[in-house]
Amino acid sequence: MSDLLRQIDSIALFRGVRYAEPLKSLCVFLKMREGGHPIEELIASYSDFVSVLYSLRPDADLSAAIWDALIDDMNPYLKHRIDSIVDPENTTKMSTLINLTAERELDLLTQIGKYSSYDFKEEMYYDGYLPDFRSSAIDIKDRYMKVIEELDKKGYGIYSRYRMFKIDRCTIVPVKHPDPISVEDLFCYDRQRNTVIDNIKAFLSGKPAADCLLYGVAGTGKSSTVKAASRMFFDQGLRLVELPKAEIGNLSEVIEMLSRIPMKFILFIDDISFESNDERIGALKSVLEGAASGGRKNILIHATSNRRHMIKESFADRADEIHTSDTISEQMSLSERFGLRVLYEKPNKQEFLTIVKKLMEKRGIKMEDKDIEEGAERFALRGGGRSARLARQYVDSLDR
């Protein structure tokens, strides 16, 4: 154990892990121990390290914490493997020396992760209380090499841990608590749902697939369909990235960022609409046109709207026949750039009741059919009409 600090400091290829927690705090403690500091200072430094470990891992697992730091580390080895996938023609072959270094350092990280609190406390010669931690002794090299071989499926860093992301000021940010909706929670819109899913399947298998516009009555499950369908294919390397309407002007930059990641993405624009003079229309049109030329092989755009023609028409737009014609042409040209358009209509009475009953069945709520029908209809009337959203809200009111 006396060489542990020197082993950690010798790490070069995965240097970022050395300066990330928990190894950063561990090295502070090890340096103090080798420097002959008083036992009081050693106890404080050791406890600082364990406190950091506790904050990183509720299971107090050193090996797992080192793995977390490694999977988040954008090191030269990982970057080269990513570049070789997304741009193989312009990527220089990696040196055998670097490959050997990667193997040796991953072995080293595996060995470091095997230490437990007992190993450290034994060398401190202190009989009082000291906090404990554990190690699951993960084979870090074996696990990391599997990630490297399946970057397009397993992802790396945040893409290995999260299903959904959001663009915030042209930065990709994980959504830590996404809507847990699944396809099993969607009822009655089977044709629409299957159309969207089949298109995504084609996209993932490398077959021709189209950008998709889901349009129609509010509350019918358009957004839920996109989120649930994307969730189905997490293990196949698909991630959902929501693009707020305010970020549409940055669409080209977002496409460029995602194109450098060796995974597949659904770029999701929810509840989209524009004023007729909105400059963002051109940005969206340009990107949708790029799909036809194969400009974004790993990105499929899905958008939802309460209207097929996403550009609002004002009375001023109708001032003359020529302007009216231009407005209609502009509206049509944007929606028609989506190769797949899926209509969501308001459910009829029977469909509305079917959604209600299936939701109740899933939650274990039992009522007489007559009471369900009367209560659901009253709720729909008060809510302004039938929809899948109102059906869910009605069942929520029964489940309180």
Protein backbone atom coordinates (compact mmCIF):
# COMPACT_ATOMS: atom_id res chain seq x y z
CA MET A 1 0.00 0.00 0.00
CA SER A 2 2.98 2.30 0.39
CA ASP A 3 3.16 2.73 -3.40
CA LEU A 4 -0.54 3.63 -3.81
CA LEU A 5 0.04 7.39 -4.13
CA ARG A 6 2.77 6.90 -6.74
CA GLN A 7 0.52 4.51 -8.68
CA ILE A 8 -2.31 7.05 -8.76
CA ASP A 9 0.04 9.88 -9.73
CA SER A 10 1.46 7.81 -12.60
CA ILE A 11 -1.88 7.75 -14.43
CA ALA A 12 -1.52 9.70 -17.70
CA LEU A 13 -4.14 8.66 -20.25
CA PHE A 14 -6.95 8.82 -17.69
CA ARG A 15 -5.46 11.81 -15.89
CA GLY A 16 -8.86 13.38 -15.45
CA VAL A 17 -9.84 10.54 -13.10
CA ARG A 18 -6.79 11.30 -10.93
CA TYR A 19 -8.06 14.87 -10.39
CA ALA A 20 -11.71 13.93 -10.03
CA GLU A 21 -13.33 12.68 -6.85
CA PRO A 22 -12.85 10.37 -5.02
CA LEU A 23 -9.17 9.97 -6.03
CA LYS A 24 -8.52 13.69 -5.57
CA SER A 25 -9.40 13.54 -1.86
CA LEU A 26 -7.74 10.15 -1.46
CA CYS A 27 -4.45 11.58 -2.77
CA VAL A 28 -4.61 14.46 -0.27
CA PHE A 29 -4.89 11.93 2.54
CA LEU A 30 -2.10 9.73 1.13
CA LYS A 31 0.27 12.70 0.78
CA MET A 32 -0.37 13.73 4.36
CA ARG A 33 0.25 10.18 5.54
CA GLU A 34 3.56 9.96 3.68
CA GLY A 35 4.53 13.42 4.92
CA GLY A 36 4.38 12.29 8.52
CA HIS A 37 1.59 14.63 9.58
CA PRO A 38 0.20 14.33 13.14
CA ILE A 39 -2.49 11.69 13.65
CA GLU A 40 -5.12 14.38 14.23
CA GLU A 41 -4.53 15.78 10.74
CA LEU A 42 -4.51 12.30 9.23
CA ILE A 43 -7.85 11.48 10.85
CA ALA A 44 -9.37 14.71 9.51
CA SER A 45 -8.00 14.11 6.01
CA TYR A 46 -9.14 10.49 5.94
CA SER A 47 -12.60 11.49 7.13
CA ASP A 48 -12.78 14.19 4.45
CA PHE A 49 -12.06 11.52 1.83
CA VAL A 50 -14.72 9.17 3.20
CA SER A 51 -17.22 12.05 3.42
CA VAL A 52 -16.66 12.81 -0.27
CA LEU A 53 -17.10 9.14 -1.09
CA TYR A 54 -20.38 9.03 0.86
CA SER A 55 -21.67 12.04 -1.07
CA LEU A 56 -20.79 10.40 -4.38
CA ARG A 57 -22.07 6.91 -3.60
CA PRO A 58 -24.81 6.17 -1.04
CA ASP A 59 -23.49 2.59 -1.06
CA ALA A 60 -20.05 3.88 0.06
CA ASP A 61 -18.39 1.86 -2.72
CA LEU A 62 -14.90 3.09 -3.68
CA SER A 63 -14.65 0.91 -6.78
CA ALA A 64 -18.02 2.11 -8.08
CA ALA A 65 -17.08 5.76 -7.42
CA ILE A 66 -13.86 5.35 -9.44
CA TRP A 67 -15.92 3.80 -12.24
CA ASP A 68 -18.34 6.76 -12.19
CA ALA A 69 -15.41 9.17 -12.53
CA LEU A 70 -13.95 7.13 -15.39
CA ILE A 71 -17.18 6.90 -17.38
CA ASP A 72 -17.56 10.70 -17.10
CA ASP A 73 -13.97 11.36 -18.21
CA MET A 74 -13.53 12.61 -21.78
CA ASN A 75 -9.98 11.30 -22.14
CA PRO A 76 -7.84 11.04 -25.32
CA TYR A 77 -8.52 7.30 -25.61
CA LEU A 78 -12.32 7.73 -25.52
CA LYS A 79 -12.21 10.78 -27.80
CA HIS A 80 -10.23 8.86 -30.41
CA ARG A 81 -12.69 5.96 -30.34
CA ILE A 82 -15.60 8.40 -30.76
CA ASP A 83 -13.88 10.15 -33.67
CA SER A 84 -13.18 6.81 -35.35
CA ILE A 85 -16.92 6.07 -35.33
CA VAL A 86 -18.32 9.44 -36.40
CA ASP A 87 -15.55 10.37 -38.88
CA PRO A 88 -13.47 7.26 -39.68
CA GLU A 89 -11.96 8.68 -42.89
CA ASN A 90 -10.32 11.61 -41.08
CA THR A 91 -9.18 9.82 -37.92
CA THR A 92 -5.52 8.88 -37.51
CA LYS A 93 -4.87 5.32 -36.36
CA MET A 94 -4.23 5.09 -32.63
CA SER A 95 -0.72 4.14 -31.54
CA THR A 96 -0.19 0.65 -30.13
CA LEU A 97 1.60 2.38 -27.26
CA ILE A 98 -1.57 4.26 -26.30
CA ASN A 99 -3.63 1.08 -26.48
CA LEU A 100 -1.19 -0.66 -24.13
CA THR A 101 -1.23 2.36 -21.80
CA ALA A 102 -5.02 2.22 -21.67
CA GLU A 103 -4.95 -1.46 -20.67
CA ARG A 104 -2.32 -0.95 -17.99
CA GLU A 105 -3.99 2.09 -16.46
CA LEU A 106 -7.41 0.43 -16.45
CA ASP A 107 -5.83 -2.52 -14.62
CA LEU A 108 -4.33 -0.04 -12.20
CA LEU A 109 -7.70 1.63 -11.55
CA THR A 110 -9.19 -1.82 -10.93
CA GLN A 111 -6.51 -2.51 -8.31
CA ILE A 112 -6.98 0.88 -6.64
CA GLY A 113 -10.72 0.23 -6.42
CA LYS A 114 -10.14 -2.97 -4.42
CA TYR A 115 -8.96 -1.14 -1.31
CA SER A 116 -11.34 -1.00 1.64
CA SER A 117 -11.39 1.13 4.79
CA TYR A 118 -9.71 -1.71 6.69
CA ASP A 119 -6.58 -1.36 4.53
CA PHE A 120 -6.24 2.33 5.36
CA LYS A 121 -7.14 2.15 9.03
CA GLU A 122 -4.70 -0.69 9.61
CA GLU A 123 -1.76 1.55 8.68
CA MET A 124 -2.88 4.51 10.77
CA TYR A 125 -2.31 2.75 14.11
CA TYR A 126 -5.30 4.44 15.68
CA ASP A 127 -7.68 2.54 17.99
CA GLY A 128 -10.46 5.12 18.03
CA TYR A 129 -13.44 5.51 15.70
CA LEU A 130 -12.85 5.98 11.97
CA PRO A 131 -15.58 5.84 9.29
CA ASP A 132 -15.77 2.82 7.01
CA PHE A 133 -16.32 2.34 3.29
CA ARG A 134 -16.46 -0.71 1.07
CA SER A 135 -15.37 -1.91 -2.36
CA SER A 136 -17.27 -4.09 -4.81
CA ALA A 137 -13.98 -4.71 -6.65
CA ILE A 138 -15.38 -3.97 -10.12
CA ASP A 139 -13.27 -5.22 -13.01
CA ILE A 140 -12.93 -1.71 -14.40
CA LYS A 141 -10.89 -2.72 -17.44
CA ASP A 142 -13.35 -5.37 -18.57
CA ARG A 143 -16.34 -3.07 -18.06
CA TYR A 144 -14.71 -0.08 -19.77
CA MET A 145 -13.64 -2.08 -22.82
CA LYS A 146 -17.23 -3.30 -23.22
CA VAL A 147 -18.42 0.31 -23.15
CA ILE A 148 -15.81 1.27 -25.75
CA GLU A 149 -16.93 -1.55 -28.03
CA GLU A 150 -20.60 -0.53 -27.71
CA LEU A 151 -20.43 3.26 -27.67
CA ASP A 152 -23.31 3.47 -30.14
CA LYS A 153 -25.56 1.40 -27.82
CA LYS A 154 -24.38 1.95 -24.25
CA GLY A 155 -23.16 5.52 -24.60
CA TYR A 156 -20.64 7.19 -22.32
CA GLY A 157 -20.77 9.81 -19.58
CA ILE A 158 -24.21 11.35 -19.22
CA TYR A 159 -25.44 9.43 -22.27
CA SER A 160 -24.86 6.12 -20.48
CA ARG A 161 -26.94 7.16 -17.46
CA TYR A 162 -29.82 9.29 -18.69
CA ARG A 163 -32.62 8.68 -21.18
CA MET A 164 -33.67 12.24 -21.86
CA PHE A 165 -31.85 15.55 -22.33
CA LYS A 166 -32.72 19.18 -22.87
CA ILE A 167 -30.96 21.96 -24.76
CA ASP A 168 -30.21 24.92 -22.50
CA ARG A 169 -28.37 27.83 -24.12
CA CYS A 170 -26.96 25.51 -26.75
CA THR A 171 -25.73 23.05 -24.11
CA ILE A 172 -26.92 19.45 -23.71
CA VAL A 173 -28.22 18.97 -20.16
CA PRO A 174 -29.60 15.67 -18.74
CA VAL A 175 -33.18 15.53 -17.49
CA LYS A 176 -32.72 13.65 -14.22
CA HIS A 177 -36.40 13.00 -13.59
CA PRO A 178 -38.13 12.57 -16.97
CA ASP A 179 -41.77 11.69 -17.53
CA PRO A 180 -41.94 7.92 -16.79
CA ILE A 181 -44.61 7.37 -19.48
CA SER A 182 -44.31 4.07 -21.38
CA VAL A 183 -46.17 2.68 -24.39
CA GLU A 184 -48.20 0.50 -21.99
CA ASP A 185 -49.69 3.73 -20.59
CA LEU A 186 -51.04 4.84 -23.99
CA PHE A 187 -54.49 3.68 -25.00
CA CYS A 188 -56.71 3.86 -28.10
CA TYR A 189 -54.28 5.60 -30.45
CA ASP A 190 -52.73 2.33 -31.64
CA ARG A 191 -52.41 3.29 -35.30
CA GLN A 192 -50.68 6.58 -34.53
CA ARG A 193 -48.40 5.03 -31.94
CA ASN A 194 -47.38 2.14 -34.20
CA THR A 195 -46.68 4.53 -37.08
CA VAL A 196 -44.26 6.50 -34.90
CA ILE A 197 -42.62 3.36 -33.48
CA ASP A 198 -42.18 1.74 -36.90
CA ASN A 199 -40.51 4.89 -38.18
CA ILE A 200 -38.08 4.90 -35.23
CA LYS A 201 -37.33 1.20 -35.79
CA ALA A 202 -36.42 1.96 -39.38
CA PHE A 203 -34.19 4.82 -38.22
CA LEU A 204 -32.33 2.58 -35.74
CA SER A 205 -31.83 -0.18 -38.29
CA GLY A 206 -30.33 2.19 -40.85
CA LYS A 207 -33.34 2.10 -43.17
CA PRO A 208 -35.00 5.24 -44.62
CA ALA A 209 -36.90 7.13 -41.90
CA ALA A 210 -38.68 10.47 -41.88
CA ASP A 211 -38.85 13.47 -39.60
CA CYS A 212 -42.23 13.29 -37.91
CA LEU A 213 -44.92 15.87 -37.15
CA LEU A 214 -47.59 14.78 -34.68
CA TYR A 215 -50.49 17.22 -34.90
CA GLY A 216 -54.08 17.51 -33.76
CA VAL A 217 -56.28 18.16 -30.75
CA ALA A 218 -54.57 19.21 -27.51
CA GLY A 219 -54.30 16.56 -24.81
CA THR A 220 -54.56 13.54 -27.12
CA GLY A 221 -51.12 12.13 -26.27
CA LYS A 222 -48.83 13.49 -28.98
CA SER A 223 -45.96 14.37 -26.65
CA SER A 224 -46.49 11.23 -24.58
CA THR A 225 -46.20 9.12 -27.73
CA VAL A 226 -42.80 10.59 -28.60
CA LYS A 227 -41.48 10.19 -25.04
CA ALA A 228 -42.82 6.65 -24.61
CA ALA A 229 -41.63 5.50 -28.04
CA SER A 230 -38.14 6.88 -27.42
CA ARG A 231 -38.03 5.18 -24.03
CA MET A 232 -38.58 1.81 -25.70
CA PHE A 233 -35.24 1.94 -27.49
CA PHE A 234 -32.87 3.12 -24.74
CA ASP A 235 -30.92 -0.16 -24.87
CA GLN A 236 -30.44 0.29 -28.62
CA GLY A 237 -28.64 3.59 -28.11
CA LEU A 238 -31.55 5.99 -28.67
CA ARG A 239 -31.76 9.16 -26.58
CA LEU A 240 -34.42 11.88 -26.55
CA VAL A 241 -33.24 15.50 -26.66
CA GLU A 242 -35.89 18.18 -26.13
CA LEU A 243 -35.31 21.44 -27.96
CA PRO A 244 -37.27 24.34 -26.39
CA LYS A 245 -38.88 26.66 -28.91
CA ALA A 246 -36.57 29.47 -27.77
CA GLU A 247 -33.57 27.39 -28.92
CA ILE A 248 -34.78 26.75 -32.48
CA GLY A 249 -32.56 29.58 -33.69
CA ASN A 250 -29.59 27.48 -32.49
CA LEU A 251 -30.79 24.38 -34.32
CA SER A 252 -27.81 24.10 -36.66
CA GLU A 253 -25.37 24.28 -33.74
CA VAL A 254 -27.35 21.64 -31.84
CA ILE A 255 -27.35 19.35 -34.88
CA GLU A 256 -23.57 19.76 -35.14
CA MET A 257 -23.10 18.83 -31.46
CA LEU A 258 -25.27 15.73 -31.68
CA SER A 259 -23.68 14.60 -34.94
CA ARG A 260 -20.35 14.26 -33.09
CA ILE A 261 -21.82 11.72 -30.65
CA PRO A 262 -21.87 8.06 -31.80
CA MET A 263 -25.47 7.41 -30.80
CA LYS A 264 -28.95 7.96 -32.26
CA PHE A 265 -31.12 10.90 -31.17
CA ILE A 266 -34.73 12.01 -31.39
CA LEU A 267 -34.62 15.81 -31.38
CA PHE A 268 -38.00 16.75 -29.92
CA ILE A 269 -39.74 20.12 -30.38
CA ASP A 270 -42.95 20.16 -28.35
CA ASP A 271 -46.07 22.25 -29.01
CA ILE A 272 -44.58 24.14 -31.90
CA SER A 273 -46.12 27.21 -33.54
CA PHE A 274 -44.81 30.37 -35.18
CA GLU A 275 -45.96 33.84 -36.07
CA SER A 276 -45.77 34.42 -39.81
CA ASN A 277 -42.72 36.71 -39.48
CA ASP A 278 -40.77 34.46 -37.08
CA GLU A 279 -37.12 34.13 -38.17
CA ARG A 280 -36.88 30.66 -36.62
CA ILE A 281 -39.04 29.25 -39.43
CA GLY A 282 -36.08 29.48 -41.79
CA ALA A 283 -33.78 27.69 -39.32
CA LEU A 284 -36.20 24.79 -38.98
CA LYS A 285 -36.84 24.59 -42.72
CA SER A 286 -33.14 24.49 -43.46
CA VAL A 287 -32.52 21.59 -41.07
CA LEU A 288 -35.55 19.64 -42.31
CA GLU A 289 -34.33 20.05 -45.88
CA GLY A 290 -30.92 18.74 -44.81
CA ALA A 291 -32.46 15.35 -43.99
CA ALA A 292 -33.00 14.65 -47.67
CA SER A 293 -29.30 15.08 -48.40
CA GLY A 294 -28.24 12.79 -45.55
CA GLY A 295 -26.77 15.66 -43.53
CA ARG A 296 -27.70 14.15 -40.14
CA LYS A 297 -27.58 10.40 -40.13
CA ASN A 298 -27.96 9.97 -36.37
CA ILE A 299 -30.72 12.54 -35.71
CA LEU A 300 -34.46 12.36 -36.34
CA ILE A 301 -36.68 15.35 -35.61
CA HIS A 302 -40.08 14.89 -33.98
CA ALA A 303 -42.37 17.86 -33.42
CA THR A 304 -45.86 18.23 -31.97
CA SER A 305 -48.40 20.90 -32.79
CA ASN A 306 -52.06 21.52 -32.18
CA ARG A 307 -52.35 22.47 -35.83
CA ARG A 308 -50.96 20.89 -38.98
CA HIS A 309 -49.88 24.26 -40.31
CA MET A 310 -47.62 25.57 -37.56
CA ILE A 311 -47.55 29.17 -38.76
CA LYS A 312 -50.32 31.33 -37.31
CA GLU A 313 -52.23 33.45 -39.79
CA SER A 314 -53.32 36.92 -38.66
CA PHE A 315 -55.94 39.22 -40.20
CA ALA A 316 -53.09 41.36 -41.52
CA ASP A 317 -51.85 38.38 -43.48
CA ARG A 318 -55.16 38.34 -45.35
CA ALA A 319 -54.90 41.94 -46.54
CA ASP A 320 -54.74 40.97 -50.17
CA GLU A 321 -55.05 37.90 -52.32
CA ILE A 322 -51.32 37.73 -53.16
CA HIS A 323 -50.29 37.90 -49.47
CA THR A 324 -52.89 35.26 -48.57
CA SER A 325 -51.47 32.95 -51.22
CA ASP A 326 -47.92 33.49 -49.91
CA THR A 327 -49.02 32.76 -46.32
CA ILE A 328 -50.76 29.51 -47.30
CA SER A 329 -47.70 28.48 -49.31
CA GLU A 330 -45.41 29.23 -46.34
CA GLN A 331 -47.63 27.23 -43.97
CA MET A 332 -47.77 24.26 -46.32
CA SER A 333 -44.06 24.29 -47.12
CA LEU A 334 -43.03 23.96 -43.47
CA SER A 335 -45.38 21.13 -42.47
CA GLU A 336 -44.69 19.23 -45.70
CA ARG A 337 -40.97 19.15 -44.94
CA PHE A 338 -41.84 16.57 -42.30
CA GLY A 339 -41.84 13.34 -44.26
CA LEU A 340 -44.25 11.73 -41.79
CA ARG A 341 -47.36 13.51 -40.50
CA VAL A 342 -49.54 11.78 -37.90
CA LEU A 343 -53.00 13.11 -37.01
CA TYR A 344 -54.40 12.89 -33.45
CA GLU A 345 -58.15 13.50 -33.35
CA LYS A 346 -60.40 13.99 -30.34
CA PRO A 347 -61.58 10.62 -28.95
CA ASN A 348 -65.26 9.81 -29.29
CA LYS A 349 -67.34 8.90 -26.24
CA GLN A 350 -66.53 5.18 -26.39
CA GLU A 351 -62.80 5.76 -26.89
CA PHE A 352 -62.77 8.24 -24.00
CA LEU A 353 -64.44 5.68 -21.71
CA THR A 354 -62.03 2.98 -22.87
CA ILE A 355 -59.06 5.14 -21.90
CA VAL A 356 -60.64 5.88 -18.51
CA LYS A 357 -61.38 2.21 -17.79
CA LYS A 358 -57.94 0.99 -18.82
CA LEU A 359 -56.28 3.60 -16.63
CA MET A 360 -58.52 2.62 -13.72
CA GLU A 361 -57.75 -1.04 -14.27
CA LYS A 362 -54.02 -0.33 -14.26
CA ARG A 363 -54.31 1.51 -10.94
CA GLY A 364 -56.66 -1.02 -9.37
CA ILE A 365 -59.61 1.38 -9.05
CA LYS A 366 -63.00 -0.38 -9.14
CA MET A 367 -66.39 1.23 -9.81
CA GLU A 368 -69.67 0.30 -11.44
CA ASP A 369 -69.69 0.90 -15.21
CA LYS A 370 -72.66 3.25 -14.89
CA ASP A 371 -70.87 5.39 -12.31
CA ILE A 372 -67.72 5.47 -14.43
CA GLU A 373 -69.59 6.61 -17.53
CA GLU A 374 -71.59 9.31 -15.73
CA GLY A 375 -68.59 10.61 -13.79
CA ALA A 376 -66.28 10.63 -16.82
CA GLU A 377 -68.81 12.46 -19.00
CA ARG A 378 -69.42 15.12 -16.33
CA PHE A 379 -65.67 15.59 -15.94
CA ALA A 380 -65.20 15.90 -19.72
CA LEU A 381 -67.99 18.50 -19.98
CA ARG A 382 -66.48 20.58 -17.20
CA GLY A 383 -63.05 20.26 -18.82
CA GLY A 384 -64.20 21.45 -22.23
CA GLY A 385 -64.31 18.14 -24.12
CA ARG A 386 -62.93 14.63 -24.24
CA SER A 387 -59.20 13.94 -24.49
CA ALA A 388 -56.66 11.42 -23.25
CA ARG A 389 -55.31 14.08 -20.89
CA LEU A 390 -58.74 14.68 -19.35
CA ALA A 391 -59.23 10.92 -19.00
CA ARG A 392 -56.01 10.74 -17.01
CA GLN A 393 -56.98 13.76 -14.91
CA TYR A 394 -60.34 12.15 -14.13
CA VAL A 395 -58.68 8.92 -12.98
CA ASP A 396 -56.20 11.01 -10.93
CA SER A 397 -59.19 12.59 -9.14
CA LEU A 398 -60.51 9.12 -8.26
CA ASP A 399 -57.12 7.97 -6.99
CA ARG A 400 -56.68 10.71 -4.38
